[in-house]
Amino acid sequence: MTSTPADLLRDYRAAFLRHLARREESALTTGYEIGRGALAGGLSLLDVVRVHHDVLIEVLRDSPPDECPLVADAASDFLLEVLGSYDMAQRGFPRPE
């Protein structure tokens, strides 16, 4: 389970790099599981977004300029999977009127 920002960074980086290399459903599933673990571990949505940004910047720095749009697109897909658990949890609470 991802319970600290350092755990999240480690797990997120590895899974995102796997997603970039393969673009397979299993890599997105891993992203979803990372999000579930972060939510269960008490990490905030802001923690997750910060880690996403940090990993994306690392990857973009090492990417050839012509690959950056593909990296950004993959990052968006991956982040949506990671945030799925947060979205479901938020929808489970009634909205104030």
Protein backbone atom coordinates (compact mmCIF):
# COMPACT_ATOMS: atom_id res chain seq x y z
CA MET A 1 0.00 0.00 0.00
CA THR A 2 1.21 3.49 -0.82
CA SER A 3 1.18 5.27 2.52
CA THR A 4 3.82 8.00 2.33
CA PRO A 5 4.67 10.57 -0.33
CA ALA A 6 8.05 8.82 -0.81
CA ASP A 7 6.30 5.47 -1.41
CA LEU A 8 3.93 7.16 -3.81
CA LEU A 9 6.76 8.80 -5.74
CA ARG A 10 8.64 5.51 -6.06
CA ASP A 11 5.58 3.51 -7.12
CA TYR A 12 4.22 6.22 -9.41
CA ARG A 13 7.52 6.69 -11.24
CA ALA A 14 7.94 2.96 -11.88
CA ALA A 15 4.35 2.47 -13.04
CA PHE A 16 4.30 5.57 -15.23
CA LEU A 17 7.55 4.56 -16.95
CA ARG A 18 6.04 1.12 -17.55
CA HIS A 19 2.95 2.76 -19.02
CA LEU A 20 5.09 4.89 -21.34
CA ALA A 21 6.99 1.86 -22.56
CA ARG A 22 4.01 -0.42 -23.15
CA ARG A 23 0.78 1.61 -23.17
CA GLU A 24 -1.09 -1.52 -22.04
CA GLU A 25 -4.19 -1.82 -19.92
CA SER A 26 -2.20 -3.59 -17.21
CA ALA A 27 -0.07 -0.47 -16.70
CA LEU A 28 -3.21 1.64 -16.32
CA THR A 29 -4.58 -0.91 -13.86
CA THR A 30 -1.41 -0.47 -11.83
CA GLY A 31 -2.03 3.28 -11.86
CA TYR A 32 -5.53 2.71 -10.53
CA GLU A 33 -4.15 0.50 -7.76
CA ILE A 34 -1.60 3.16 -6.86
CA GLY A 35 -4.44 5.65 -6.50
CA ARG A 36 -6.43 3.25 -4.31
CA GLY A 37 -3.39 2.67 -2.13
CA ALA A 38 -2.72 6.39 -1.81
CA LEU A 39 -6.33 7.07 -0.85
CA ALA A 40 -6.37 4.19 1.65
CA GLY A 41 -3.03 5.40 3.02
CA GLY A 42 -4.46 8.83 3.75
CA LEU A 43 -2.58 10.73 1.08
CA SER A 44 -4.38 13.77 -0.24
CA LEU A 45 -5.33 14.50 -3.80
CA LEU A 46 -2.77 17.31 -3.69
CA ASP A 47 -0.06 14.80 -2.73
CA VAL A 48 -0.93 12.68 -5.75
CA VAL A 49 -1.00 15.62 -8.14
CA ARG A 50 2.37 16.88 -6.86
CA VAL A 51 3.94 13.46 -7.42
CA HIS A 52 2.41 13.27 -10.90
CA HIS A 53 3.86 16.67 -11.76
CA ASP A 54 7.29 15.80 -10.39
CA VAL A 55 7.45 12.53 -12.33
CA LEU A 56 6.17 14.15 -15.51
CA ILE A 57 8.81 16.89 -15.33
CA GLU A 58 11.54 14.25 -14.84
CA VAL A 59 10.35 12.31 -17.87
CA LEU A 60 9.94 15.39 -20.07
CA ARG A 61 13.48 16.53 -19.27
CA ASP A 62 14.80 13.21 -20.56
CA SER A 63 12.52 13.04 -23.61
CA PRO A 64 13.35 14.23 -27.12
CA PRO A 65 11.25 17.31 -27.97
CA ASP A 66 9.28 15.49 -30.67
CA GLU A 67 8.14 12.88 -28.10
CA CYS A 68 6.87 15.40 -25.53
CA PRO A 69 3.28 15.52 -26.90
CA LEU A 70 3.09 11.71 -26.66
CA VAL A 71 4.47 11.78 -23.12
CA ALA A 72 1.95 14.45 -22.12
CA ASP A 73 -0.91 12.42 -23.59
CA ALA A 74 0.23 9.26 -21.79
CA ALA A 75 0.61 11.24 -18.56
CA SER A 76 -2.96 12.47 -18.82
CA ASP A 77 -4.33 8.94 -19.34
CA PHE A 78 -2.28 7.63 -16.43
CA LEU A 79 -3.30 10.42 -14.07
CA LEU A 80 -6.98 9.86 -14.82
CA GLU A 81 -6.59 6.21 -13.79
CA VAL A 82 -4.71 7.14 -10.63
CA LEU A 83 -7.39 9.65 -9.65
CA GLY A 84 -10.27 7.26 -10.28
CA SER A 85 -10.45 6.19 -6.64
CA TYR A 86 -10.51 9.78 -5.45
CA ASP A 87 -13.34 10.53 -7.86
CA MET A 88 -15.36 7.55 -6.67
CA ALA A 89 -14.79 8.44 -3.04
CA GLN A 90 -15.88 12.03 -3.65
CA ARG A 91 -19.02 10.90 -5.46
CA GLY A 92 -19.90 8.68 -2.50
CA PHE A 93 -20.46 11.69 -0.27
CA PRO A 94 -23.64 13.75 -0.56
CA ARG A 95 -23.10 17.25 -1.88
CA PRO A 96 -24.09 20.16 0.32
CA GLU A 97 -27.15 22.01 -0.85
